[in-house]
Amino acid sequence: MKNDETSVQLPNGKQVPYAIYTPQEILDFKNNPLIEALPPILSFEESYEQLSYLPEYNSKERNLSIHHRYHALLRLSRFYQPTNKTIELELKFSRFLRYGYVNRNPNDKQHTLVLNELKDRLINKYDLGLSPDIRTTSSSFTLMGFSGIGKTSAVERVLSLYPQVVVHKYPLSLFQITWLKLNSPHDGSIKTLCMDFFLKIDQLIGTNYFEKYGNKRNSNSSMVVRMGQVARLHCIGALVIDEIQHLLVHKKSESDEVMNFFVTMINEIGIPIMLIGTMKAKTILQKDFRQARRSSGHGDMVWEQMKNDDNWKVLMTAMWDYQWTKENTTLNEEWMNFLYKESQGITDIAVKLYFLGQSYAIEAGIEELTFDVIRYVKKEHLKLIIPFLKALESGKKEEIAKYEDITPLDLEEFLSSRMPAIDMREKIQMEKEIQAKKRAKKEISILEKVIMTLLSLDIEEELAEKAAKVVIQQNSNINAKNAVFIAMKKIDEWEEQKQKKVMKLDKSASTNKLHDIVEKGRKKQLSARDSLIGAGIIKSVTDDLIL
């Protein structure tokens, strides 16, 4: 295992940090190592800065080949610009996570008592339930919204602010899992969800809970208790369950069972839970779940489409910088209003329209974004969402409800499907051999880095691309730094060869000129010397004599 002072390598190969304890200002949080090991509470400005992700971009990339610009387009899928709603989500989650740990301090006897009590109840097959003082800070909150509104992206950005696993040294000697995110199974099965829980824990810290407790023959109730035991043992700060609508769209009896499952996890075992879903789940959750669960005080969030206001302008302005068509399209009020109308304020759709528009403009040789290009790609590639957008525009809730669970377009899959028009041979090779695919991805990644570095050094686009390709083709295992160094040497060599060629041509031209002068002189019966003197190439000795 590879250990140092700041981190430890687990048996499964993952490198996880040791806990760094920060003294807390808030009285409720003091002397609790689980809270002290979390990153500091962020101000609004810090939250905005850390949630933003603006990939690298160089406007000179617009002069690269179609193939490379096609790959560069995928950076738009990683682009993330936080809005006021994202900042609010970060604040709520920060509070939700920390208060969930208040009564779960591993330095207190209570922590061990809970683990023992859960174990006894499992062995003796008693009813679930812990004493009220143990469960007082367990809570939950929900995030509901239309598909493509950005719920999952926002939650994943917020979760990325926290190390998922923290190792506490002796005397605590424990793995703290700050959060665990599960996707609801499409079959709506609680048992499948429980099995996924054990599997995710095993993948994180190298345990074998799935083998011990994940057997399908185990009852739901025994799995729930085991989940509680594992969650307490590893101090899970928050259990995040996405696509919750999959668990609630079956018969009422099954939905009731799901509600009981969540209530048990929160109220009886004391695991803070965050539920994410579409509007389809909103009614059931607000009616049944809110009544049964403990009042959280964190407030539920319902995300609808963005308004055409300053937030929209900030998002569009940040996104617009990522443009790879040869012709630059300027962002103005007309474009902002047009994209808002075409996407109805759904951020995921706006980004995809911008992405697909550029993809089509590059592939078709149009090389410019226009309203017609955006309308074409929407009609061609986003057919399924058009009725949904029309329903949103109408504002009729019964119409919106028909379409709110549409599966979004996967940008990587889209590019893969279009790649034959750009580079058929490469795609076939990538699909045939896994190793070749990995190598191709690595080469593309290094190639892009080398080209961008050369562009930043004011090397011409064509020369930068040519040099980078030659170097990487000749050195398959080279890293980006060495590739740039060798590429610069190549460019210098090419420039030197070019200069020598020019000089040689100049010399050759000079020799041919002398030959022509001598030949003309011979026709006039002059010697070579006299011909050159006559042309002013050499001087006559007699011209300098003074008589």
Protein backbone atom coordinates (compact mmCIF):
# COMPACT_ATOMS: atom_id res chain seq x y z
CA MET A 1 0.00 0.00 0.00
CA LYS A 2 1.20 3.50 -0.87
CA ASN A 3 0.88 5.71 2.21
CA ASP A 4 2.17 9.18 3.08
CA GLU A 5 1.40 11.79 5.75
CA THR A 6 -1.72 13.07 3.99
CA SER A 7 -3.35 9.96 2.49
CA VAL A 8 -3.51 6.18 2.50
CA GLN A 9 -3.99 3.68 -0.34
CA LEU A 10 -6.78 1.17 0.30
CA PRO A 11 -6.50 -2.51 -0.75
CA ASN A 12 -8.75 -1.72 -3.75
CA GLY A 13 -6.16 0.81 -5.01
CA LYS A 14 -8.07 3.98 -4.05
CA GLN A 15 -6.06 6.80 -2.46
CA VAL A 16 -8.05 8.49 0.32
CA PRO A 17 -7.06 11.41 2.58
CA TYR A 18 -6.40 11.29 6.30
CA ALA A 19 -8.70 13.52 8.34
CA ILE A 20 -7.51 17.09 8.94
CA TYR A 21 -9.43 18.52 11.86
CA THR A 22 -10.55 22.16 11.74
CA PRO A 23 -11.83 23.78 14.97
CA GLN A 24 -15.48 24.81 14.59
CA GLU A 25 -17.06 28.17 15.37
CA ILE A 26 -20.63 26.89 15.75
CA LEU A 27 -21.37 25.43 19.19
CA ASP A 28 -23.29 22.42 17.82
CA PHE A 29 -20.29 21.40 15.71
CA LYS A 30 -17.51 21.73 18.30
CA ASN A 31 -15.42 18.68 19.27
CA ASN A 32 -17.10 16.45 16.70
CA PRO A 33 -14.34 14.86 14.56
CA LEU A 34 -16.84 13.91 11.81
CA ILE A 35 -17.71 17.59 11.30
CA GLU A 36 -14.19 18.88 11.93
CA ALA A 37 -12.90 16.60 9.13
CA LEU A 38 -15.22 18.24 6.55
CA PRO A 39 -14.00 21.12 4.35
CA PRO A 40 -14.69 24.62 5.76
CA ILE A 41 -18.15 26.16 5.43
CA LEU A 42 -18.13 28.28 2.25
CA SER A 43 -19.20 31.89 1.78
CA PHE A 44 -21.45 32.68 -1.20
CA GLU A 45 -18.43 33.94 -3.17
CA GLU A 46 -16.34 30.84 -2.37
CA SER A 47 -19.27 28.58 -3.23
CA TYR A 48 -19.72 30.26 -6.63
CA GLU A 49 -16.00 29.99 -7.41
CA GLN A 50 -15.65 26.34 -6.37
CA LEU A 51 -18.84 25.18 -8.10
CA SER A 52 -17.85 26.76 -11.42
CA TYR A 53 -16.08 24.63 -14.00
CA LEU A 54 -14.94 26.46 -17.11
CA PRO A 55 -12.78 24.14 -19.28
CA GLU A 56 -9.68 25.48 -21.03
CA TYR A 57 -10.28 27.15 -24.39
CA ASN A 58 -8.09 28.84 -27.02
CA SER A 59 -9.74 30.71 -29.90
CA LYS A 60 -6.94 29.49 -32.23
CA GLU A 61 -8.48 25.99 -31.95
CA ARG A 62 -11.11 27.19 -34.42
CA ASN A 63 -8.49 26.85 -37.16
CA LEU A 64 -7.76 23.20 -36.36
CA SER A 65 -8.96 20.29 -38.50
CA ILE A 66 -12.60 19.14 -38.38
CA HIS A 67 -11.56 15.96 -36.57
CA HIS A 68 -9.91 17.83 -33.69
CA ARG A 69 -12.65 20.41 -33.37
CA TYR A 70 -15.19 17.60 -33.14
CA HIS A 71 -13.35 16.20 -30.14
CA ALA A 72 -12.92 19.65 -28.59
CA LEU A 73 -16.71 20.15 -28.67
CA LEU A 74 -17.10 17.62 -25.84
CA ARG A 75 -15.68 20.20 -23.45
CA LEU A 76 -19.13 21.78 -23.52
CA SER A 77 -20.48 18.69 -21.73
CA ARG A 78 -18.09 19.43 -18.82
CA PHE A 79 -18.84 23.17 -18.72
CA TYR A 80 -20.67 24.19 -15.55
CA GLN A 81 -21.87 27.67 -14.62
CA PRO A 82 -23.59 27.90 -11.19
CA THR A 83 -26.76 29.93 -10.74
CA ASN A 84 -28.49 31.28 -7.64
CA LYS A 85 -30.31 27.93 -7.30
CA THR A 86 -27.01 26.03 -7.26
CA ILE A 87 -25.61 28.32 -4.54
CA GLU A 88 -28.78 27.75 -2.51
CA LEU A 89 -28.45 23.97 -2.96
CA GLU A 90 -24.83 24.05 -1.74
CA LEU A 91 -25.89 26.00 1.37
CA LYS A 92 -28.76 23.60 2.16
CA PHE A 93 -26.61 20.50 1.63
CA SER A 94 -23.78 21.90 3.77
CA ARG A 95 -26.23 22.47 6.63
CA PHE A 96 -28.01 19.15 6.05
CA LEU A 97 -24.73 17.18 6.14
CA ARG A 98 -23.31 18.84 9.24
CA TYR A 99 -26.46 18.72 11.34
CA GLY A 100 -26.84 15.05 10.42
CA TYR A 101 -23.57 14.44 12.29
CA VAL A 102 -24.44 16.45 15.43
CA ASN A 103 -25.76 13.46 17.41
CA ARG A 104 -23.42 10.95 15.79
CA ASN A 105 -20.17 11.87 17.49
CA PRO A 106 -17.85 8.80 17.59
CA ASN A 107 -16.21 10.19 20.73
CA ASP A 108 -19.50 9.74 22.60
CA LYS A 109 -20.64 6.45 24.11
CA GLN A 110 -23.90 6.91 22.24
CA HIS A 111 -22.19 6.07 18.94
CA THR A 112 -21.18 2.60 20.18
CA LEU A 113 -24.56 2.08 21.87
CA VAL A 114 -26.37 2.62 18.58
CA LEU A 115 -24.19 0.08 16.76
CA ASN A 116 -24.75 -2.50 19.51
CA GLU A 117 -28.48 -1.85 19.61
CA LEU A 118 -28.82 -2.31 15.83
CA LYS A 119 -26.86 -5.54 16.07
CA ASP A 120 -29.06 -6.86 18.92
CA ARG A 121 -32.26 -6.03 17.04
CA LEU A 122 -30.99 -7.88 14.00
CA ILE A 123 -29.97 -10.99 15.97
CA ASN A 124 -33.16 -11.10 18.04
CA LYS A 125 -35.44 -10.04 15.16
CA TYR A 126 -36.94 -7.19 17.17
CA ASP A 127 -38.88 -4.33 15.58
CA LEU A 128 -36.77 -1.52 14.21
CA GLY A 129 -36.44 1.72 16.06
CA LEU A 130 -33.97 3.64 18.16
CA SER A 131 -34.55 5.84 21.18
CA PRO A 132 -35.63 9.41 20.38
CA ASP A 133 -32.43 11.07 21.66
CA ILE A 134 -30.38 9.05 19.15
CA ARG A 135 -32.47 10.18 16.15
CA THR A 136 -32.99 13.88 16.91
CA THR A 137 -30.78 15.24 14.13
CA SER A 138 -31.66 12.77 11.39
CA SER A 139 -33.38 14.61 8.56
CA SER A 140 -34.13 14.68 4.86
CA PHE A 141 -34.89 17.00 2.02
CA THR A 142 -36.02 16.61 -1.57
CA LEU A 143 -35.02 18.21 -4.87
CA MET A 144 -37.70 17.95 -7.56
CA GLY A 145 -37.70 19.33 -11.09
CA PHE A 146 -38.19 18.70 -14.80
CA SER A 147 -35.84 16.34 -16.66
CA GLY A 148 -32.84 18.25 -17.99
CA ILE A 149 -33.28 21.14 -15.55
CA GLY A 150 -29.81 20.41 -14.13
CA LYS A 151 -30.66 18.68 -10.83
CA THR A 152 -28.18 15.80 -11.11
CA SER A 153 -25.38 18.02 -12.48
CA ALA A 154 -25.87 20.51 -9.65
CA VAL A 155 -25.92 17.81 -6.95
CA GLU A 156 -22.78 16.17 -8.36
CA ARG A 157 -20.97 19.53 -8.41
CA VAL A 158 -21.96 20.10 -4.76
CA LEU A 159 -20.89 16.57 -3.76
CA SER A 160 -17.52 17.10 -5.48
CA LEU A 161 -16.72 19.75 -2.85
CA TYR A 162 -16.43 16.99 -0.23
CA PRO A 163 -13.94 14.08 -0.12
CA GLN A 164 -16.16 11.00 -0.31
CA VAL A 165 -14.03 8.99 2.11
CA VAL A 166 -11.92 10.28 5.01
CA VAL A 167 -9.66 8.07 7.15
CA HIS A 168 -9.53 8.80 10.89
CA LYS A 169 -6.39 7.51 12.60
CA TYR A 170 -6.16 5.90 16.04
CA PRO A 171 -7.92 6.13 18.47
CA LEU A 172 -11.01 6.52 16.23
CA SER A 173 -9.65 4.20 13.52
CA LEU A 174 -12.58 4.49 11.14
CA PHE A 175 -13.50 5.20 7.53
CA GLN A 176 -15.91 8.14 7.32
CA ILE A 177 -18.05 8.12 4.16
CA THR A 178 -19.30 11.70 3.85
CA TRP A 179 -21.87 10.90 1.14
CA LEU A 180 -23.13 7.99 -0.93
CA LYS A 181 -25.15 8.51 -4.11
CA LEU A 182 -27.43 5.77 -5.49
CA ASN A 183 -29.61 5.72 -8.60
CA SER A 184 -33.06 4.24 -8.10
CA PRO A 185 -33.40 0.94 -9.98
CA HIS A 186 -35.75 0.98 -12.97
CA ASP A 187 -37.59 -2.06 -11.62
CA GLY A 188 -38.65 -0.01 -8.57
CA SER A 189 -37.32 -2.68 -6.20
CA ILE A 190 -36.25 -1.74 -2.67
CA LYS A 191 -34.19 -4.94 -2.52
CA THR A 192 -32.22 -3.92 -5.63
CA LEU A 193 -31.58 -0.51 -4.05
CA CYS A 194 -30.29 -2.16 -0.86
CA MET A 195 -28.02 -4.46 -2.87
CA ASP A 196 -26.65 -1.46 -4.77
CA PHE A 197 -25.94 0.23 -1.42
CA PHE A 198 -23.70 -2.64 -0.26
CA LEU A 199 -22.02 -2.86 -3.66
CA LYS A 200 -21.18 0.88 -3.68
CA ILE A 201 -19.70 0.68 -0.16
CA ASP A 202 -17.52 -2.27 -1.24
CA GLN A 203 -16.29 -0.34 -4.29
CA LEU A 204 -15.45 2.66 -2.12
CA ILE A 205 -13.50 1.09 0.74
CA GLY A 206 -12.80 -2.49 -0.36
CA THR A 207 -15.17 -4.31 2.03
CA ASN A 208 -17.31 -7.37 1.20
CA TYR A 209 -20.75 -6.30 2.48
CA PHE A 210 -22.47 -7.25 -0.76
CA GLU A 211 -21.30 -10.83 -0.35
CA LYS A 212 -22.36 -10.88 3.33
CA TYR A 213 -25.66 -9.02 3.24
CA GLY A 214 -26.65 -8.55 -0.42
CA ASN A 215 -28.14 -11.98 -1.03
CA LYS A 216 -31.53 -11.78 -2.76
CA ARG A 217 -32.91 -14.34 -0.30
CA ASN A 218 -32.53 -11.86 2.57
CA SER A 219 -35.71 -10.03 3.52
CA ASN A 220 -36.13 -6.30 2.93
CA SER A 221 -36.35 -5.63 6.66
CA SER A 222 -33.08 -7.44 7.45
CA MET A 223 -31.34 -5.58 4.60
CA VAL A 224 -32.59 -2.24 5.94
CA VAL A 225 -31.18 -2.98 9.40
CA ARG A 226 -27.88 -4.06 7.86
CA MET A 227 -27.85 -0.83 5.86
CA GLY A 228 -28.37 1.11 9.08
CA GLN A 229 -25.58 -0.79 10.80
CA VAL A 230 -23.12 -0.19 7.93
CA ALA A 231 -24.18 3.46 7.63
CA ARG A 232 -23.55 4.01 11.35
CA LEU A 233 -20.29 2.06 11.33
CA HIS A 234 -18.86 4.15 8.49
CA CYS A 235 -20.54 7.40 9.57
CA ILE A 236 -22.34 8.05 6.27
CA GLY A 237 -23.14 11.75 6.29
CA ALA A 238 -25.84 11.70 3.62
CA LEU A 239 -27.49 9.07 1.45
CA VAL A 240 -28.41 10.69 -1.89
CA ILE A 241 -30.97 8.80 -4.00
CA ASP A 242 -31.49 10.03 -7.57
CA GLU A 243 -34.30 9.28 -10.06
CA ILE A 244 -36.66 8.61 -7.15
CA GLN A 245 -39.65 8.54 -9.53
CA HIS A 246 -38.62 4.99 -10.55
CA LEU A 247 -39.50 3.81 -7.05
CA LEU A 248 -42.86 5.59 -6.93
CA VAL A 249 -44.53 4.87 -10.27
CA HIS A 250 -45.79 1.37 -9.48
CA LYS A 251 -48.89 0.26 -7.57
CA LYS A 252 -49.97 2.23 -4.52
CA SER A 253 -49.07 -0.66 -2.22
CA GLU A 254 -45.52 -0.67 -3.63
CA SER A 255 -45.27 3.11 -3.32
CA ASP A 256 -46.40 2.82 0.31
CA GLU A 257 -43.67 0.25 0.91
CA VAL A 258 -41.09 2.64 -0.53
CA MET A 259 -42.38 5.44 1.71
CA ASN A 260 -42.10 3.18 4.74
CA PHE A 261 -38.56 2.28 3.72
CA PHE A 262 -37.46 5.92 3.65
CA VAL A 263 -39.26 6.79 6.86
CA THR A 264 -37.58 3.83 8.56
CA MET A 265 -34.15 4.89 7.34
CA ILE A 266 -34.63 8.46 8.56
CA ASN A 267 -36.83 8.22 11.65
CA GLU A 268 -35.96 4.78 13.01
CA ILE A 269 -32.31 4.26 12.06
CA GLY A 270 -31.25 7.89 11.74
CA ILE A 271 -29.68 8.19 8.26
CA PRO A 272 -30.06 11.63 6.61
CA ILE A 273 -31.49 11.13 3.10
CA MET A 274 -31.68 13.45 0.11
CA LEU A 275 -34.14 12.46 -2.63
CA ILE A 276 -33.90 13.73 -6.22
CA GLY A 277 -36.61 13.21 -8.80
CA THR A 278 -38.85 14.62 -11.51
CA MET A 279 -42.18 16.31 -11.00
CA LYS A 280 -43.81 12.89 -11.34
CA ALA A 281 -42.61 12.05 -7.83
CA LYS A 282 -43.46 15.46 -6.38
CA THR A 283 -47.10 14.82 -5.49
CA ILE A 284 -46.49 11.54 -3.64
CA LEU A 285 -43.46 12.85 -1.79
CA GLN A 286 -45.12 16.06 -0.69
CA LYS A 287 -48.31 14.35 0.43
CA ASP A 288 -47.20 11.06 2.03
CA PHE A 289 -43.51 11.47 2.76
CA ARG A 290 -43.64 14.93 4.31
CA GLN A 291 -46.31 13.86 6.80
CA ALA A 292 -44.44 10.74 7.89
CA ARG A 293 -40.90 12.02 8.17
CA ARG A 294 -39.36 14.22 10.78
CA SER A 295 -39.54 17.93 10.00
CA SER A 296 -36.11 18.72 8.60
CA GLY A 297 -35.95 22.49 8.65
CA HIS A 298 -33.81 22.44 5.51
CA GLY A 299 -36.68 23.13 3.12
CA ASP A 300 -37.50 21.16 -0.01
CA MET A 301 -36.50 22.52 -3.40
CA VAL A 302 -38.56 22.50 -6.59
CA TRP A 303 -36.63 23.51 -9.70
CA GLU A 304 -38.53 24.74 -12.71
CA GLN A 305 -37.10 26.23 -15.89
CA MET A 306 -34.95 29.35 -15.63
CA LYS A 307 -36.46 32.76 -16.18
CA ASN A 308 -35.14 34.99 -18.96
CA ASP A 309 -33.32 37.24 -16.51
CA ASP A 310 -29.77 38.06 -15.35
CA ASN A 311 -29.12 34.41 -14.39
CA TRP A 312 -29.89 33.36 -17.96
CA LYS A 313 -27.61 36.07 -19.35
CA VAL A 314 -24.74 34.96 -17.09
CA LEU A 315 -25.16 31.33 -18.23
CA MET A 316 -25.36 32.20 -21.95
CA THR A 317 -22.37 34.59 -21.76
CA ALA A 318 -20.16 31.96 -20.07
CA MET A 319 -21.25 29.22 -22.50
CA TRP A 320 -20.78 31.39 -25.60
CA ASP A 321 -17.00 31.54 -25.12
CA TYR A 322 -16.79 27.90 -26.24
CA GLN A 323 -17.15 28.30 -29.99
CA TRP A 324 -15.28 26.14 -32.53
CA THR A 325 -16.84 27.21 -35.84
CA LYS A 326 -14.44 29.12 -38.12
CA GLU A 327 -16.82 32.09 -38.28
CA ASN A 328 -17.43 33.83 -34.97
CA THR A 329 -21.06 34.44 -34.02
CA THR A 330 -21.50 37.35 -31.60
CA LEU A 331 -23.83 36.89 -28.64
CA ASN A 332 -26.47 39.60 -28.46
CA GLU A 333 -29.92 40.14 -26.98
CA GLU A 334 -31.58 38.56 -30.01
CA TRP A 335 -29.55 35.34 -29.62
CA MET A 336 -30.28 35.17 -25.86
CA ASN A 337 -34.01 35.51 -26.43
CA PHE A 338 -33.94 33.02 -29.33
CA LEU A 339 -32.14 30.32 -27.30
CA TYR A 340 -34.47 30.92 -24.36
CA LYS A 341 -37.52 30.41 -26.59
CA GLU A 342 -36.06 27.29 -28.24
CA SER A 343 -35.04 25.71 -24.90
CA GLN A 344 -37.81 27.20 -22.73
CA GLY A 345 -35.17 27.98 -20.09
CA ILE A 346 -34.09 24.33 -19.66
CA THR A 347 -30.33 24.65 -19.24
CA ASP A 348 -29.51 21.14 -20.45
CA ILE A 349 -31.43 21.74 -23.68
CA ALA A 350 -29.84 25.17 -24.24
CA VAL A 351 -26.32 23.70 -23.92
CA LYS A 352 -27.21 20.80 -26.22
CA LEU A 353 -28.67 23.09 -28.87
CA TYR A 354 -25.46 25.13 -28.80
CA PHE A 355 -23.38 21.93 -28.98
CA LEU A 356 -25.43 20.31 -31.76
CA GLY A 357 -25.55 23.55 -33.75
CA GLN A 358 -21.75 23.79 -33.80
CA SER A 359 -21.42 20.08 -34.57
CA TYR A 360 -23.69 20.39 -37.61
CA ALA A 361 -22.13 23.68 -38.80
CA ILE A 362 -18.62 22.13 -38.68
CA GLU A 363 -19.63 18.84 -40.30
CA ALA A 364 -21.69 20.45 -43.08
CA GLY A 365 -19.03 23.04 -43.86
CA ILE A 366 -21.33 25.96 -42.94
CA GLU A 367 -18.85 27.02 -40.23
CA GLU A 368 -21.25 29.53 -38.66
CA LEU A 369 -24.06 29.43 -36.10
CA THR A 370 -27.40 30.76 -37.33
CA PHE A 371 -30.99 30.58 -36.11
CA ASP A 372 -31.77 28.19 -38.98
CA VAL A 373 -28.93 25.86 -37.91
CA ILE A 374 -30.30 25.71 -34.34
CA ARG A 375 -33.84 25.07 -35.60
CA TYR A 376 -32.58 22.28 -37.88
CA VAL A 377 -30.63 20.38 -35.17
CA LYS A 378 -33.52 20.72 -32.75
CA LYS A 379 -35.93 19.23 -35.28
CA GLU A 380 -33.45 16.54 -36.37
CA HIS A 381 -31.87 15.41 -33.07
CA LEU A 382 -34.21 16.52 -30.27
CA LYS A 383 -37.52 15.33 -31.72
CA LEU A 384 -38.68 13.73 -28.47
CA ILE A 385 -38.48 16.95 -26.46
CA ILE A 386 -40.37 19.20 -28.90
CA PRO A 387 -43.86 18.28 -27.51
CA PHE A 388 -42.50 18.82 -23.97
CA LEU A 389 -41.17 22.29 -24.87
CA LYS A 390 -44.47 23.20 -26.51
CA ALA A 391 -46.27 22.10 -23.34
CA LEU A 392 -43.94 24.25 -21.23
CA GLU A 393 -44.57 27.22 -23.51
CA SER A 394 -48.33 26.72 -23.13
CA GLY A 395 -48.01 26.65 -19.33
CA LYS A 396 -50.67 23.92 -19.02
CA LYS A 397 -49.72 21.59 -16.16
CA GLU A 398 -51.68 18.62 -17.47
CA GLU A 399 -49.80 18.85 -20.78
CA ILE A 400 -46.41 19.23 -19.07
CA ALA A 401 -47.07 16.13 -16.94
CA LYS A 402 -47.27 13.96 -20.07
CA TYR A 403 -43.69 14.60 -21.12
CA GLU A 404 -41.65 15.35 -18.00
CA ASP A 405 -39.73 12.05 -17.93
CA ILE A 406 -38.07 12.26 -21.36
CA THR A 407 -34.60 10.71 -21.49
CA PRO A 408 -32.00 13.38 -22.35
CA LEU A 409 -29.61 13.06 -25.30
CA ASP A 410 -26.14 11.76 -24.42
CA LEU A 411 -23.60 14.04 -26.13
CA GLU A 412 -20.79 11.47 -26.18
CA GLU A 413 -23.07 8.89 -27.80
CA PHE A 414 -24.17 11.50 -30.33
CA LEU A 415 -20.57 12.28 -31.32
CA SER A 416 -19.79 8.58 -31.61
CA SER A 417 -22.73 8.10 -33.95
CA ARG A 418 -21.62 11.04 -36.13
CA MET A 419 -17.93 10.13 -36.18
CA PRO A 420 -18.17 7.91 -39.33
CA ALA A 421 -18.65 11.04 -41.38
CA ILE A 422 -15.45 12.43 -39.89
CA ASP A 423 -13.18 9.45 -39.37
CA MET A 424 -14.72 6.04 -40.16
CA ARG A 425 -11.51 4.05 -39.89
CA GLU A 426 -10.69 5.33 -36.43
CA LYS A 427 -14.17 4.54 -35.10
CA ILE A 428 -14.09 0.95 -36.39
CA GLN A 429 -10.64 0.44 -34.89
CA MET A 430 -11.79 1.89 -31.56
CA GLU A 431 -14.77 -0.45 -31.43
CA LYS A 432 -12.76 -3.55 -32.39
CA GLU A 433 -10.01 -3.32 -29.81
CA ILE A 434 -10.37 -2.05 -26.26
CA GLN A 435 -6.65 -1.43 -25.98
CA ALA A 436 -6.63 0.47 -29.26
CA LYS A 437 -9.51 2.56 -27.97
CA LYS A 438 -7.64 3.45 -24.79
CA ARG A 439 -4.51 4.24 -26.77
CA ALA A 440 -6.45 6.39 -29.23
CA LYS A 441 -8.07 8.33 -26.40
CA LYS A 442 -4.66 8.85 -24.78
CA GLU A 443 -3.12 10.00 -28.06
CA ILE A 444 -5.97 12.39 -28.75
CA SER A 445 -5.69 13.83 -25.27
CA ILE A 446 -1.91 14.36 -25.56
CA LEU A 447 -2.25 15.64 -29.13
CA GLU A 448 -4.76 18.28 -28.05
CA LYS A 449 -2.53 19.38 -25.15
CA VAL A 450 0.53 19.64 -27.39
CA ILE A 451 -1.34 21.58 -30.09
CA MET A 452 -2.84 24.00 -27.54
CA THR A 453 0.58 24.61 -25.95
CA LEU A 454 2.15 25.30 -29.35
CA LEU A 455 -0.71 27.66 -30.23
CA SER A 456 -0.12 29.56 -26.97
CA LEU A 457 3.51 30.04 -28.11
CA ASP A 458 2.24 31.81 -31.27
CA ILE A 459 3.02 28.90 -33.60
CA GLU A 460 0.79 28.93 -36.71
CA GLU A 461 -2.18 26.54 -36.48
CA GLU A 462 -1.23 24.28 -39.42
CA LEU A 463 2.41 24.09 -38.35
CA ALA A 464 1.42 23.32 -34.72
CA GLU A 465 -0.92 20.51 -35.77
CA LYS A 466 1.63 19.05 -38.24
CA ALA A 467 4.49 19.08 -35.70
CA ALA A 468 2.36 17.57 -32.90
CA LYS A 469 1.12 14.72 -35.13
CA VAL A 470 4.64 13.86 -36.38
CA VAL A 471 6.09 13.78 -32.85
CA ILE A 472 3.31 11.59 -31.38
CA GLN A 473 3.32 9.21 -34.36
CA GLN A 474 7.08 8.74 -33.96
CA ASN A 475 6.96 8.44 -30.13
CA SER A 476 3.89 6.43 -29.03
CA ASN A 477 4.53 6.59 -25.25
CA ILE A 478 5.69 10.20 -25.02
CA ASN A 479 4.17 12.61 -22.50
CA ALA A 480 2.83 16.07 -23.37
CA LYS A 481 5.79 18.00 -21.90
CA ASN A 482 8.44 16.10 -23.90
CA ALA A 483 6.24 16.14 -26.99
CA VAL A 484 6.10 19.95 -26.90
CA PHE A 485 9.90 20.12 -26.50
CA ILE A 486 10.54 17.79 -29.48
CA ALA A 487 7.84 19.53 -31.56
CA MET A 488 9.60 22.88 -31.03
CA LYS A 489 12.89 21.30 -32.17
CA LYS A 490 11.11 19.88 -35.24
CA ILE A 491 9.70 23.30 -36.09
CA ASP A 492 13.18 24.88 -35.72
CA GLU A 493 14.66 22.17 -37.97
CA TRP A 494 11.98 22.74 -40.60
CA GLU A 495 12.60 26.50 -40.47
CA GLU A 496 16.37 25.95 -40.82
CA GLN A 497 15.87 23.61 -43.79
CA LYS A 498 13.59 26.16 -45.35
CA GLN A 499 16.24 28.90 -44.97
CA LYS A 500 18.97 26.67 -46.46
CA LYS A 501 16.74 25.90 -49.42
CA VAL A 502 16.14 29.60 -50.02
CA MET A 503 19.89 30.35 -49.82
CA LYS A 504 20.65 27.51 -52.24
CA LEU A 505 18.08 28.83 -54.68
CA ASP A 506 19.57 32.32 -54.41
CA LYS A 507 23.10 30.95 -55.07
CA SER A 508 21.89 28.91 -58.02
CA ALA A 509 20.13 31.92 -59.47
CA SER A 510 23.33 33.98 -59.13
CA THR A 511 25.42 31.31 -60.93
CA ASN A 512 22.93 31.13 -63.81
CA LYS A 513 23.11 34.92 -64.23
CA LEU A 514 26.93 34.90 -64.67
CA HIS A 515 26.66 32.07 -67.16
CA ASP A 516 24.15 34.05 -69.25
CA ILE A 517 26.46 37.14 -69.30
CA VAL A 518 29.47 35.09 -70.48
CA GLU A 519 27.39 33.34 -73.19
CA LYS A 520 26.12 36.65 -74.56
CA GLY A 521 29.73 37.97 -74.63
CA ARG A 522 30.93 34.98 -76.62
CA LYS A 523 28.35 35.68 -79.29
CA LYS A 524 29.92 39.15 -79.60
CA GLN A 525 33.39 37.54 -79.67
CA LEU A 526 34.28 38.90 -76.19
CA SER A 527 36.30 37.03 -73.58
CA ALA A 528 34.62 35.97 -70.39
CA ARG A 529 36.60 38.65 -68.49
CA ASP A 530 35.56 41.41 -70.84
CA SER A 531 31.91 40.30 -70.68
CA LEU A 532 31.89 40.44 -66.87
CA ILE A 533 33.65 43.84 -66.89
CA GLY A 534 31.09 45.12 -69.35
CA ALA A 535 28.23 43.94 -67.15
CA GLY A 536 29.78 45.64 -64.11
CA ILE A 537 30.29 42.38 -62.27
CA ILE A 538 34.08 42.91 -61.97
CA LYS A 539 36.29 45.99 -62.38
CA SER A 540 39.07 46.50 -64.94
CA VAL A 541 42.53 47.05 -63.43
CA THR A 542 43.19 49.83 -65.94
CA ASP A 543 40.22 51.80 -64.68
CA ASP A 544 42.11 52.48 -61.46
CA LEU A 545 45.40 53.64 -63.14
CA ILE A 546 46.19 57.35 -63.12
CA LEU A 547 47.87 58.44 -66.33
